[in-house]
């Protein structure tokens, strides 16, 4: 399930970047829930961040709420493809496919470790 969330997360951040929108948690959450057909929460984001801490960057930002004209705290979530530059990419592999491969390897390693 985490691998599916990571794949949807990667697709969502790419789509939002191409669209020119900010990658805030509510935007990403809605997109991931639509793609995965499952609920995506802050705890899922924390699990993704735990497995890939160098690739997922979370910043606290303030956004202006149009309905109340107040500033509202939010999270900006970015995926750094350059984080896997140090890891050898396979021939013909893009940065995003390398991220997916590395995430799957780390998730499997995490599940195989004893508690």
PDB file of N, CA and C in Angstrom:
ATOM      1  N   UNK A   1       0.824  -1.183   0.000  1.00  0.00           N
ATOM      2  CA  UNK A   1       0.000   0.000   0.000  1.00  0.00           C
ATOM      3  C   UNK A   1       0.876   1.258   0.000  1.00  0.00           C
ATOM      4  N   UNK A   2       1.983   1.240   0.747  1.00  0.00           N
ATOM      5  CA  UNK A   2       2.873   2.405   0.761  1.00  0.00           C
ATOM      6  C   UNK A   2       3.510   2.638  -0.601  1.00  0.00           C
ATOM      7  N   UNK A   3       3.838   1.567  -1.306  1.00  0.00           N
ATOM      8  CA  UNK A   3       4.413   1.728  -2.647  1.00  0.00           C
ATOM      9  C   UNK A   3       3.394   2.352  -3.588  1.00  0.00           C
ATOM     10  N   UNK A   4       2.144   1.951  -3.449  1.00  0.00           N
ATOM     11  CA  UNK A   4       1.082   2.554  -4.268  1.00  0.00           C
ATOM     12  C   UNK A   4       0.930   4.035  -3.927  1.00  0.00           C
ATOM     13  N   UNK A   5       0.968   4.370  -2.640  1.00  0.00           N
ATOM     14  CA  UNK A   5       0.889   5.772  -2.236  1.00  0.00           C
ATOM     15  C   UNK A   5       2.079   6.566  -2.770  1.00  0.00           C
ATOM     16  N   UNK A   6       3.272   5.971  -2.738  1.00  0.00           N
ATOM     17  CA  UNK A   6       4.445   6.686  -3.233  1.00  0.00           C
ATOM     18  C   UNK A   6       4.336   6.935  -4.735  1.00  0.00           C
ATOM     19  N   UNK A   7       3.872   5.934  -5.483  1.00  0.00           N
ATOM     20  CA  UNK A   7       3.696   6.120  -6.924  1.00  0.00           C
ATOM     21  C   UNK A   7       2.680   7.219  -7.218  1.00  0.00           C
ATOM     22  N   UNK A   8       1.579   7.234  -6.476  1.00  0.00           N
ATOM     23  CA  UNK A   8       0.564   8.280  -6.647  1.00  0.00           C
ATOM     24  C   UNK A   8       1.104   9.637  -6.202  1.00  0.00           C
ATOM     25  N   UNK A   9       1.895   9.651  -5.132  1.00  0.00           N
ATOM     26  CA  UNK A   9       2.512  10.886  -4.644  1.00  0.00           C
ATOM     27  C   UNK A   9       3.448  11.472  -5.693  1.00  0.00           C
ATOM     28  N   UNK A  10       4.243  10.617  -6.292  1.00  0.00           N
ATOM     29  CA  UNK A  10       5.179  11.058  -7.328  1.00  0.00           C
ATOM     30  C   UNK A  10       4.421  11.607  -8.531  1.00  0.00           C
ATOM     31  N   UNK A  11       3.375  10.919  -8.949  1.00  0.00           N
ATOM     32  CA  UNK A  11       2.574  11.393 -10.086  1.00  0.00           C
ATOM     33  C   UNK A  11       1.885  12.712  -9.761  1.00  0.00           C
ATOM     34  N   UNK A  12       1.370  12.834  -8.548  1.00  0.00           N
ATOM     35  CA  UNK A  12       0.664  14.054  -8.140  1.00  0.00           C
ATOM     36  C   UNK A  12       1.594  15.257  -8.110  1.00  0.00           C
ATOM     37  N   UNK A  13       2.789  15.077  -7.563  1.00  0.00           N
ATOM     38  CA  UNK A  13       3.722  16.203  -7.506  1.00  0.00           C
ATOM     39  C   UNK A  13       4.172  16.610  -8.904  1.00  0.00           C
ATOM     40  N   UNK A  14       4.352  15.649  -9.790  1.00  0.00           N
ATOM     41  CA  UNK A  14       4.715  15.978 -11.174  1.00  0.00           C
ATOM     42  C   UNK A  14       3.591  16.743 -11.865  1.00  0.00           C
ATOM     43  N   UNK A  15       2.355  16.292 -11.683  1.00  0.00           N
ATOM     44  CA  UNK A  15       1.215  16.966 -12.313  1.00  0.00           C
ATOM     45  C   UNK A  15       1.033  18.380 -11.775  1.00  0.00           C
ATOM     46  N   UNK A  16       1.162  18.544 -10.465  1.00  0.00           N
ATOM     47  CA  UNK A  16       1.017  19.879  -9.881  1.00  0.00           C
ATOM     48  C   UNK A  16       2.135  20.808 -10.337  1.00  0.00           C
ATOM     49  N   UNK A  17       3.336  20.274 -10.482  1.00  0.00           N
ATOM     50  CA  UNK A  17       4.460  21.088 -10.955  1.00  0.00           C
ATOM     51  C   UNK A  17       4.221  21.532 -12.401  1.00  0.00           C
ATOM     52  N   UNK A  18       3.734  20.618 -13.249  1.00  0.00           N
ATOM     53  CA  UNK A  18       3.459  20.972 -14.646  1.00  0.00           C
ATOM     54  C   UNK A  18       2.303  21.961 -14.747  1.00  0.00           C
ATOM     55  N   UNK A  19       1.341  21.831 -13.845  1.00  0.00           N
ATOM     56  CA  UNK A  19       0.180  22.722 -13.834  1.00  0.00           C
ATOM     57  C   UNK A  19       0.536  24.099 -13.291  1.00  0.00           C
ATOM     58  N   UNK A  20       1.604  24.196 -12.523  1.00  0.00           N
ATOM     59  CA  UNK A  20       2.025  25.457 -11.936  1.00  0.00           C
ATOM     60  C   UNK A  20       1.391  25.734 -10.586  1.00  0.00           C
ATOM     61  N   UNK A  21       0.774  24.732  -9.978  1.00  0.00           N
ATOM     62  CA  UNK A  21       0.149  24.888  -8.662  1.00  0.00           C
ATOM     63  C   UNK A  21       1.150  24.545  -7.569  1.00  0.00           C
ATOM     64  N   UNK A  22       0.880  25.073  -6.369  1.00  0.00           N
ATOM     65  CA  UNK A  22       1.716  24.716  -5.219  1.00  0.00           C
ATOM     66  C   UNK A  22       1.369  23.303  -4.774  1.00  0.00           C
ATOM     67  N   UNK A  23       2.387  22.585  -4.395  1.00  0.00           N
ATOM     68  CA  UNK A  23       2.202  21.216  -3.934  1.00  0.00           C
ATOM     69  C   UNK A  23       1.924  21.225  -2.438  1.00  0.00           C
ATOM     70  N   UNK A  24       0.754  21.722  -2.046  1.00  0.00           N
ATOM     71  CA  UNK A  24       0.371  21.722  -0.641  1.00  0.00           C
ATOM     72  C   UNK A  24      -0.269  20.383  -0.300  1.00  0.00           C
ATOM     73  N   UNK A  25      -0.323  20.081   0.987  1.00  0.00           N
ATOM     74  CA  UNK A  25      -0.865  18.786   1.396  1.00  0.00           C
ATOM     75  C   UNK A  25      -2.303  18.570   0.925  1.00  0.00           C
ATOM     76  N   UNK A  26      -3.213  19.548   1.064  1.00  0.00           N
ATOM     77  CA  UNK A  26      -4.579  19.291   0.582  1.00  0.00           C
ATOM     78  C   UNK A  26      -4.646  18.993  -0.920  1.00  0.00           C
ATOM     79  N   UNK A  27      -3.831  19.689  -1.723  1.00  0.00           N
ATOM     80  CA  UNK A  27      -3.818  19.425  -3.167  1.00  0.00           C
ATOM     81  C   UNK A  27      -3.304  18.023  -3.465  1.00  0.00           C
ATOM     82  N   UNK A  28      -2.208  17.661  -2.816  1.00  0.00           N
ATOM     83  CA  UNK A  28      -1.622  16.339  -3.042  1.00  0.00           C
ATOM     84  C   UNK A  28      -2.535  15.250  -2.489  1.00  0.00           C
ATOM     85  N   UNK A  29      -3.112  15.495  -1.340  1.00  0.00           N
ATOM     86  CA  UNK A  29      -3.990  14.518  -0.697  1.00  0.00           C
ATOM     87  C   UNK A  29      -5.182  14.184  -1.592  1.00  0.00           C
ATOM     88  N   UNK A  30      -5.815  15.204  -2.153  1.00  0.00           N
ATOM     89  CA  UNK A  30      -6.972  14.979  -3.023  1.00  0.00           C
ATOM     90  C   UNK A  30      -6.572  14.186  -4.262  1.00  0.00           C
ATOM     91  N   UNK A  31      -5.436  14.517  -4.822  1.00  0.00           N
ATOM     92  CA  UNK A  31      -4.967  13.823  -6.019  1.00  0.00           C
ATOM     93  C   UNK A  31      -4.618  12.366  -5.723  1.00  0.00           C
ATOM     94  N   UNK A  32      -3.931  12.129  -4.622  1.00  0.00           N
ATOM     95  CA  UNK A  32      -3.552  10.763  -4.254  1.00  0.00           C
ATOM     96  C   UNK A  32      -4.791   9.929  -3.954  1.00  0.00           C
ATOM     97  N   UNK A  33      -5.751  10.499  -3.253  1.00  0.00           N
ATOM     98  CA  UNK A  33      -6.970   9.762  -2.932  1.00  0.00           C
ATOM     99  C   UNK A  33      -7.739   9.405  -4.199  1.00  0.00           C
ATOM    100  N   UNK A  34      -7.713  10.292  -5.176  1.00  0.00           N
ATOM    101  CA  UNK A  34      -8.395  10.010  -6.440  1.00  0.00           C
ATOM    102  C   UNK A  34      -7.676   8.897  -7.207  1.00  0.00           C
ATOM    103  N   UNK A  35      -6.345   8.951  -7.244  1.00  0.00           N
ATOM    104  CA  UNK A  35      -5.576   7.954  -7.988  1.00  0.00           C
ATOM    105  C   UNK A  35      -5.572   6.588  -7.296  1.00  0.00           C
ATOM    106  N   UNK A  36      -5.393   6.577  -5.983  1.00  0.00           N
ATOM    107  CA  UNK A  36      -5.263   5.315  -5.248  1.00  0.00           C
ATOM    108  C   UNK A  36      -6.600   4.754  -4.790  1.00  0.00           C
ATOM    109  N   UNK A  37      -7.624   5.580  -4.813  1.00  0.00           N
ATOM    110  CA  UNK A  37      -8.951   5.195  -4.321  1.00  0.00           C
ATOM    111  C   UNK A  37      -8.891   4.715  -2.873  1.00  0.00           C
ATOM    112  N   UNK A  38      -8.029   5.355  -2.101  1.00  0.00           N
ATOM    113  CA  UNK A  38      -7.884   5.122  -0.661  1.00  0.00           C
ATOM    114  C   UNK A  38      -7.671   6.461   0.016  1.00  0.00           C
ATOM    115  N   UNK A  39      -7.922   6.502   1.297  1.00  0.00           N
ATOM    116  CA  UNK A  39      -7.724   7.728   2.056  1.00  0.00           C
ATOM    117  C   UNK A  39      -6.239   7.924   2.337  1.00  0.00           C
ATOM    118  N   UNK A  40      -5.748   9.147   2.122  1.00  0.00           N
ATOM    119  CA  UNK A  40      -4.349   9.486   2.367  1.00  0.00           C
ATOM    120  C   UNK A  40      -4.307  10.485   3.507  1.00  0.00           C
ATOM    121  N   UNK A  41      -3.540  10.170   4.557  1.00  0.00           N
ATOM    122  CA  UNK A  41      -3.512  11.007   5.755  1.00  0.00           C
ATOM    123  C   UNK A  41      -2.093  11.500   6.031  1.00  0.00           C
ATOM    124  N   UNK A  42      -1.982  12.334   7.068  1.00  0.00           N
ATOM    125  CA  UNK A  42      -0.673  12.828   7.492  1.00  0.00           C
ATOM    126  C   UNK A  42       0.236  11.680   7.926  1.00  0.00           C
ATOM    127  N   UNK A  43      -0.338  10.639   8.513  1.00  0.00           N
ATOM    128  CA  UNK A  43       0.491   9.511   8.953  1.00  0.00           C
ATOM    129  C   UNK A  43       1.081   8.760   7.761  1.00  0.00           C
ATOM    130  N   UNK A  44       0.343   8.676   6.658  1.00  0.00           N
ATOM    131  CA  UNK A  44       0.901   8.060   5.454  1.00  0.00           C
ATOM    132  C   UNK A  44       2.064   8.895   4.920  1.00  0.00           C
ATOM    133  N   UNK A  45       1.898  10.220   4.942  1.00  0.00           N
ATOM    134  CA  UNK A  45       2.977  11.105   4.506  1.00  0.00           C
ATOM    135  C   UNK A  45       4.201  10.937   5.404  1.00  0.00           C
ATOM    136  N   UNK A  46       3.978  10.801   6.706  1.00  0.00           N
ATOM    137  CA  UNK A  46       5.089  10.603   7.646  1.00  0.00           C
ATOM    138  C   UNK A  46       5.809   9.282   7.372  1.00  0.00           C
ATOM    139  N   UNK A  47       5.070   8.245   7.021  1.00  0.00           N
ATOM    140  CA  UNK A  47       5.690   6.961   6.702  1.00  0.00           C
ATOM    141  C   UNK A  47       6.526   7.055   5.430  1.00  0.00           C
ATOM    142  N   UNK A  48       6.009   7.764   4.427  1.00  0.00           N
ATOM    143  CA  UNK A  48       6.777   7.969   3.196  1.00  0.00           C
ATOM    144  C   UNK A  48       8.057   8.746   3.490  1.00  0.00           C
ATOM    145  N   UNK A  49       7.939   9.781   4.323  1.00  0.00           N
ATOM    146  CA  UNK A  49       9.093  10.603   4.691  1.00  0.00           C
ATOM    147  C   UNK A  49      10.116   9.785   5.480  1.00  0.00           C
ATOM    148  N   UNK A  50       9.664   8.866   6.317  1.00  0.00           N
ATOM    149  CA  UNK A  50      10.567   8.031   7.106  1.00  0.00           C
ATOM    150  C   UNK A  50      11.402   7.120   6.202  1.00  0.00           C
ATOM    151  N   UNK A  51      10.780   6.605   5.157  1.00  0.00           N
ATOM    152  CA  UNK A  51      11.483   5.689   4.264  1.00  0.00           C
ATOM    153  C   UNK A  51      12.400   6.437   3.294  1.00  0.00           C
ATOM    154  N   UNK A  52      11.982   7.617   2.816  1.00  0.00           N
ATOM    155  CA  UNK A  52      12.792   8.405   1.866  1.00  0.00           C
ATOM    156  C   UNK A  52      13.012   9.816   2.403  1.00  0.00           C
ATOM    157  N   UNK A  53      13.771   9.994   3.492  1.00  0.00           N
ATOM    158  CA  UNK A  53      13.906  11.327   4.091  1.00  0.00           C
ATOM    159  C   UNK A  53      14.644  12.332   3.216  1.00  0.00           C
ATOM    160  N   UNK A  54      15.559  11.858   2.372  1.00  0.00           N
ATOM    161  CA  UNK A  54      16.322  12.799   1.559  1.00  0.00           C
ATOM    162  C   UNK A  54      15.559  13.251   0.316  1.00  0.00           C
ATOM    163  N   UNK A  55      14.525  12.523  -0.088  1.00  0.00           N
ATOM    164  CA  UNK A  55      13.809  12.850  -1.316  1.00  0.00           C
ATOM    165  C   UNK A  55      12.520  13.631  -1.069  1.00  0.00           C
ATOM    166  N   UNK A  56      11.934  13.502   0.114  1.00  0.00           N
ATOM    167  CA  UNK A  56      10.671  14.187   0.412  1.00  0.00           C
ATOM    168  C   UNK A  56      10.962  15.342   1.358  1.00  0.00           C
ATOM    169  N   UNK A  57      10.623  16.547   0.915  1.00  0.00           N
ATOM    170  CA  UNK A  57      10.864  17.756   1.698  1.00  0.00           C
ATOM    171  C   UNK A  57       9.517  18.349   2.085  1.00  0.00           C
ATOM    172  N   UNK A  58       9.341  18.595   3.387  1.00  0.00           N
ATOM    173  CA  UNK A  58       8.093  19.161   3.903  1.00  0.00           C
ATOM    174  C   UNK A  58       8.412  20.491   4.565  1.00  0.00           C
ATOM    175  N   UNK A  59       7.764  21.549   4.105  1.00  0.00           N
ATOM    176  CA  UNK A  59       7.940  22.891   4.668  1.00  0.00           C
ATOM    177  C   UNK A  59       6.603  23.420   5.152  1.00  0.00           C
ATOM    178  N   UNK A  60       6.641  24.117   6.281  1.00  0.00           N
ATOM    179  CA  UNK A  60       5.434  24.752   6.793  1.00  0.00           C
ATOM    180  C   UNK A  60       5.313  26.125   6.138  1.00  0.00           C
ATOM    181  N   UNK A  61       4.144  26.410   5.545  1.00  0.00           N
ATOM    182  CA  UNK A  61       3.915  27.690   4.878  1.00  0.00           C
ATOM    183  C   UNK A  61       2.604  28.293   5.370  1.00  0.00           C
ATOM    184  N   UNK A  62       2.426  29.574   5.099  1.00  0.00           N
ATOM    185  CA  UNK A  62       1.176  30.261   5.403  1.00  0.00           C
ATOM    186  C   UNK A  62       0.495  30.625   4.090  1.00  0.00           C
ATOM    187  N   UNK A  63      -0.778  30.244   3.971  1.00  0.00           N
ATOM    188  CA  UNK A  63      -1.564  30.560   2.788  1.00  0.00           C
ATOM    189  C   UNK A  63      -2.720  31.470   3.171  1.00  0.00           C
ATOM    190  N   UNK A  64      -3.064  32.359   2.276  1.00  0.00           N
ATOM    191  CA  UNK A  64      -4.185  33.267   2.527  1.00  0.00           C
ATOM    192  C   UNK A  64      -5.481  32.551   2.185  1.00  0.00           C
ATOM    193  N   UNK A  65      -6.372  32.473   3.166  1.00  0.00           N
ATOM    194  CA  UNK A  65      -7.678  31.869   2.973  1.00  0.00           C
ATOM    195  C   UNK A  65      -8.606  32.932   2.405  1.00  0.00           C
ATOM    196  N   UNK A  66      -9.128  32.697   1.209  1.00  0.00           N
ATOM    197  CA  UNK A  66      -9.954  33.697   0.529  1.00  0.00           C
ATOM    198  C   UNK A  66     -11.291  33.926   1.240  1.00  0.00           C
ATOM    199  N   UNK A  67     -11.854  32.902   1.839  1.00  0.00           N
ATOM    200  CA  UNK A  67     -13.170  33.060   2.466  1.00  0.00           C
ATOM    201  C   UNK A  67     -13.106  33.861   3.765  1.00  0.00           C
ATOM    202  N   UNK A  68     -12.039  33.694   4.544  1.00  0.00           N
ATOM    203  CA  UNK A  68     -11.940  34.399   5.826  1.00  0.00           C
ATOM    204  C   UNK A  68     -10.930  35.539   5.806  1.00  0.00           C
ATOM    205  N   UNK A  69     -10.183  35.667   4.722  1.00  0.00           N
ATOM    206  CA  UNK A  69      -9.132  36.694   4.585  1.00  0.00           C
ATOM    207  C   UNK A  69      -8.080  36.597   5.694  1.00  0.00           C
ATOM    208  N   UNK A  70      -7.838  35.408   6.169  1.00  0.00           N
ATOM    209  CA  UNK A  70      -6.824  35.175   7.200  1.00  0.00           C
ATOM    210  C   UNK A  70      -5.735  34.265   6.634  1.00  0.00           C
ATOM    211  N   UNK A  71      -4.599  34.280   7.309  1.00  0.00           N
ATOM    212  CA  UNK A  71      -3.508  33.393   6.927  1.00  0.00           C
ATOM    213  C   UNK A  71      -3.700  32.051   7.630  1.00  0.00           C
ATOM    214  N   UNK A  72      -3.547  30.989   6.883  1.00  0.00           N
ATOM    215  CA  UNK A  72      -3.790  29.664   7.418  1.00  0.00           C
ATOM    216  C   UNK A  72      -2.536  28.814   7.212  1.00  0.00           C
ATOM    217  N   UNK A  73      -2.076  28.100   8.252  1.00  0.00           N
ATOM    218  CA  UNK A  73      -0.879  27.266   8.096  1.00  0.00           C
ATOM    219  C   UNK A  73      -1.171  26.042   7.233  1.00  0.00           C
ATOM    220  N   UNK A  74      -0.179  25.657   6.484  1.00  0.00           N
ATOM    221  CA  UNK A  74      -0.311  24.496   5.617  1.00  0.00           C
ATOM    222  C   UNK A  74       1.066  23.875   5.412  1.00  0.00           C
ATOM    223  N   UNK A  75       1.104  22.715   4.786  1.00  0.00           N
ATOM    224  CA  UNK A  75       2.365  22.042   4.497  1.00  0.00           C
ATOM    225  C   UNK A  75       2.606  22.030   2.995  1.00  0.00           C
ATOM    226  N   UNK A  76       3.809  22.424   2.611  1.00  0.00           N
ATOM    227  CA  UNK A  76       4.218  22.310   1.218  1.00  0.00           C
ATOM    228  C   UNK A  76       5.098  21.073   1.116  1.00  0.00           C
ATOM    229  N   UNK A  77       4.730  20.171   0.231  1.00  0.00           N
ATOM    230  CA  UNK A  77       5.414  18.888   0.112  1.00  0.00           C
ATOM    231  C   UNK A  77       6.061  18.812  -1.268  1.00  0.00           C
ATOM    232  N   UNK A  78       7.365  18.601  -1.298  1.00  0.00           N
ATOM    233  CA  UNK A  78       8.090  18.506  -2.564  1.00  0.00           C
ATOM    234  C   UNK A  78       8.853  17.197  -2.635  1.00  0.00           C
ATOM    235  N   UNK A  79       9.007  16.728  -3.846  1.00  0.00           N
ATOM    236  CA  UNK A  79       9.768  15.515  -4.109  1.00  0.00           C
ATOM    237  C   UNK A  79      11.032  15.907  -4.865  1.00  0.00           C
ATOM    238  N   UNK A  80      12.187  15.610  -4.290  1.00  0.00           N
ATOM    239  CA  UNK A  80      13.467  15.970  -4.901  1.00  0.00           C
ATOM    240  C   UNK A  80      14.016  14.787  -5.690  1.00  0.00           C
ATOM    241  N   UNK A  81      13.996  14.919  -6.997  1.00  0.00           N
ATOM    242  CA  UNK A  81      14.505  13.853  -7.853  1.00  0.00           C
ATOM    243  C   UNK A  81      16.025  13.815  -7.797  1.00  0.00           C
ATOM    244  N   UNK A  82      16.644  14.960  -7.550  1.00  0.00           N
ATOM    245  CA  UNK A  82      18.106  15.037  -7.495  1.00  0.00           C
ATOM    246  C   UNK A  82      18.688  14.307  -6.289  1.00  0.00           C
ATOM    247  N   UNK A  83      17.848  13.894  -5.359  1.00  0.00           N
ATOM    248  CA  UNK A  83      18.340  13.219  -4.158  1.00  0.00           C
ATOM    249  C   UNK A  83      18.935  11.856  -4.480  1.00  0.00           C
ATOM    250  N   UNK A  84      18.573  11.277  -5.614  1.00  0.00           N
ATOM    251  CA  UNK A  84      19.093   9.952  -5.970  1.00  0.00           C
ATOM    252  C   UNK A  84      20.245  10.038  -6.964  1.00  0.00           C
ATOM    253  N   UNK A  85      20.794  11.225  -7.147  1.00  0.00           N
ATOM    254  CA  UNK A  85      21.928  11.383  -8.063  1.00  0.00           C
ATOM    255  C   UNK A  85      23.123  10.556  -7.611  1.00  0.00           C
ATOM    256  N   UNK A  86      23.301  10.431  -6.298  1.00  0.00           N
ATOM    257  CA  UNK A  86      24.451   9.675  -5.786  1.00  0.00           C
ATOM    258  C   UNK A  86      24.287   8.174  -6.012  1.00  0.00           C
ATOM    259  N   UNK A  87      23.041   7.719  -6.120  1.00  0.00           N
ATOM    260  CA  UNK A  87      22.781   6.303  -6.358  1.00  0.00           C
ATOM    261  C   UNK A  87      22.879   6.053  -7.864  1.00  0.00           C
ATOM    262  N   UNK A  88      23.550   5.000  -8.226  1.00  0.00           N
ATOM    263  CA  UNK A  88      23.745   4.705  -9.647  1.00  0.00           C
ATOM    264  C   UNK A  88      22.412   4.348 -10.298  1.00  0.00           C
ATOM    265  N   UNK A  89      22.077   5.111 -11.330  1.00  0.00           N
ATOM    266  CA  UNK A  89      20.869   4.809 -12.091  1.00  0.00           C
ATOM    267  C   UNK A  89      21.183   3.694 -13.074  1.00  0.00           C
ATOM    268  N   UNK A  90      20.186   2.887 -13.340  1.00  0.00           N
ATOM    269  CA  UNK A  90      20.364   1.844 -14.329  1.00  0.00           C
ATOM    270  C   UNK A  90      20.268   2.460 -15.719  1.00  0.00           C
ATOM    271  N   UNK A  91      20.723   1.757 -16.704  1.00  0.00           N
ATOM    272  CA  UNK A  91      20.763   2.291 -18.063  1.00  0.00           C
ATOM    273  C   UNK A  91      19.353   2.628 -18.547  1.00  0.00           C
ATOM    274  N   UNK A  92      19.169   3.852 -19.020  1.00  0.00           N
ATOM    275  CA  UNK A  92      17.883   4.291 -19.544  1.00  0.00           C
ATOM    276  C   UNK A  92      16.849   4.618 -18.483  1.00  0.00           C
ATOM    277  N   UNK A  93      17.253   4.702 -17.237  1.00  0.00           N
ATOM    278  CA  UNK A  93      16.316   4.951 -16.142  1.00  0.00           C
ATOM    279  C   UNK A  93      16.255   6.445 -15.842  1.00  0.00           C
ATOM    280  N   UNK A  94      15.042   6.972 -15.707  1.00  0.00           N
ATOM    281  CA  UNK A  94      14.875   8.378 -15.363  1.00  0.00           C
ATOM    282  C   UNK A  94      15.007   8.551 -13.858  1.00  0.00           C
ATOM    283  N   UNK A  95      15.055   9.800 -13.413  1.00  0.00           N
ATOM    284  CA  UNK A  95      15.154  10.076 -11.985  1.00  0.00           C
ATOM    285  C   UNK A  95      13.935   9.588 -11.223  1.00  0.00           C
ATOM    286  N   UNK A  96      12.758   9.735 -11.836  1.00  0.00           N
ATOM    287  CA  UNK A  96      11.527   9.312 -11.167  1.00  0.00           C
ATOM    288  C   UNK A  96      11.440   7.790 -11.055  1.00  0.00           C
ATOM    289  N   UNK A  97      11.831   7.084 -12.097  1.00  0.00           N
ATOM    290  CA  UNK A  97      11.798   5.624 -12.005  1.00  0.00           C
ATOM    291  C   UNK A  97      12.858   5.117 -11.026  1.00  0.00           C
ATOM    292  N   UNK A  98      13.982   5.831 -10.923  1.00  0.00           N
ATOM    293  CA  UNK A  98      14.996   5.465  -9.925  1.00  0.00           C
ATOM    294  C   UNK A  98      14.452   5.683  -8.514  1.00  0.00           C
ATOM    295  N   UNK A  99      13.717   6.787  -8.314  1.00  0.00           N
ATOM    296  CA  UNK A  99      13.095   7.035  -7.003  1.00  0.00           C
ATOM    297  C   UNK A  99      12.137   5.914  -6.634  1.00  0.00           C
ATOM    298  N   UNK A 100      11.314   5.500  -7.586  1.00  0.00           N
ATOM    299  CA  UNK A 100      10.354   4.421  -7.318  1.00  0.00           C
ATOM    300  C   UNK A 100      11.073   3.121  -6.968  1.00  0.00           C
ATOM    301  N   UNK A 101      12.124   2.800  -7.717  1.00  0.00           N
ATOM    302  CA  UNK A 101      12.872   1.568  -7.467  1.00  0.00           C
ATOM    303  C   UNK A 101      13.519   1.594  -6.084  1.00  0.00           C
ATOM    304  N   UNK A 102      14.140   2.711  -5.742  1.00  0.00           N
ATOM    305  CA  UNK A 102      14.796   2.839  -4.438  1.00  0.00           C
ATOM    306  C   UNK A 102      13.773   2.782  -3.311  1.00  0.00           C
ATOM    307  N   UNK A 103      12.614   3.407  -3.507  1.00  0.00           N
ATOM    308  CA  UNK A 103      11.577   3.361  -2.476  1.00  0.00           C
ATOM    309  C   UNK A 103      11.116   1.926  -2.248  1.00  0.00           C
ATOM    310  N   UNK A 104      10.885   1.184  -3.336  1.00  0.00           N
ATOM    311  CA  UNK A 104      10.461  -0.213  -3.190  1.00  0.00           C
ATOM    312  C   UNK A 104      11.511  -1.030  -2.444  1.00  0.00           C
ATOM    313  N   UNK A 105      12.790  -0.825  -2.766  1.00  0.00           N
ATOM    314  CA  UNK A 105      13.863  -1.555  -2.089  1.00  0.00           C
ATOM    315  C   UNK A 105      13.890  -1.234  -0.601  1.00  0.00           C
ATOM    316  N   UNK A 106      13.778   0.047  -0.266  1.00  0.00           N
ATOM    317  CA  UNK A 106      13.817   0.437   1.150  1.00  0.00           C
ATOM    318  C   UNK A 106      12.578  -0.042   1.899  1.00  0.00           C
ATOM    319  N   UNK A 107      11.415  -0.002   1.246  1.00  0.00           N
ATOM    320  CA  UNK A 107      10.188  -0.462   1.902  1.00  0.00           C
ATOM    321  C   UNK A 107      10.273  -1.957   2.182  1.00  0.00           C
ATOM    322  N   UNK A 108      10.791  -2.727   1.237  1.00  0.00           N
ATOM    323  CA  UNK A 108      10.956  -4.171   1.459  1.00  0.00           C
ATOM    324  C   UNK A 108      11.959  -4.433   2.577  1.00  0.00           C
ATOM    325  N   UNK A 109      13.049  -3.690   2.594  1.00  0.00           N
ATOM    326  CA  UNK A 109      14.038  -3.832   3.660  1.00  0.00           C
ATOM    327  C   UNK A 109      13.471  -3.451   5.014  1.00  0.00           C
ATOM    328  N   UNK A 110      12.631  -2.429   5.037  1.00  0.00           N
ATOM    329  CA  UNK A 110      12.009  -1.989   6.284  1.00  0.00           C
ATOM    330  C   UNK A 110      11.055  -3.051   6.818  1.00  0.00           C
ATOM    331  N   UNK A 111      10.304  -3.693   5.925  1.00  0.00           N
ATOM    332  CA  UNK A 111       9.348  -4.711   6.351  1.00  0.00           C
ATOM    333  C   UNK A 111      10.038  -5.992   6.810  1.00  0.00           C
ATOM    334  N   UNK A 112      11.232  -6.254   6.292  1.00  0.00           N
ATOM    335  CA  UNK A 112      11.936  -7.481   6.650  1.00  0.00           C
ATOM    336  C   UNK A 112      12.718  -7.367   7.950  1.00  0.00           C
ATOM    337  N   UNK A 113      12.934  -6.139   8.426  1.00  0.00           N
ATOM    338  CA  UNK A 113      13.667  -5.963   9.691  1.00  0.00           C
ATOM    339  C   UNK A 113      12.818  -6.441  10.862  1.00  0.00           C
ATOM    340  N   UNK A 114      13.449  -7.068  11.841  1.00  0.00           N
ATOM    341  CA  UNK A 114      12.679  -7.470  13.030  1.00  0.00           C
ATOM    342  C   UNK A 114      12.308  -6.246  13.867  1.00  0.00           C
ATOM    343  N   UNK A 115      11.171  -6.298  14.564  1.00  0.00           N
ATOM    344  CA  UNK A 115      10.733  -5.137  15.369  1.00  0.00           C
ATOM    345  C   UNK A 115      11.610  -4.848  16.557  1.00  0.00           C
TER     346      UNK A 115
END
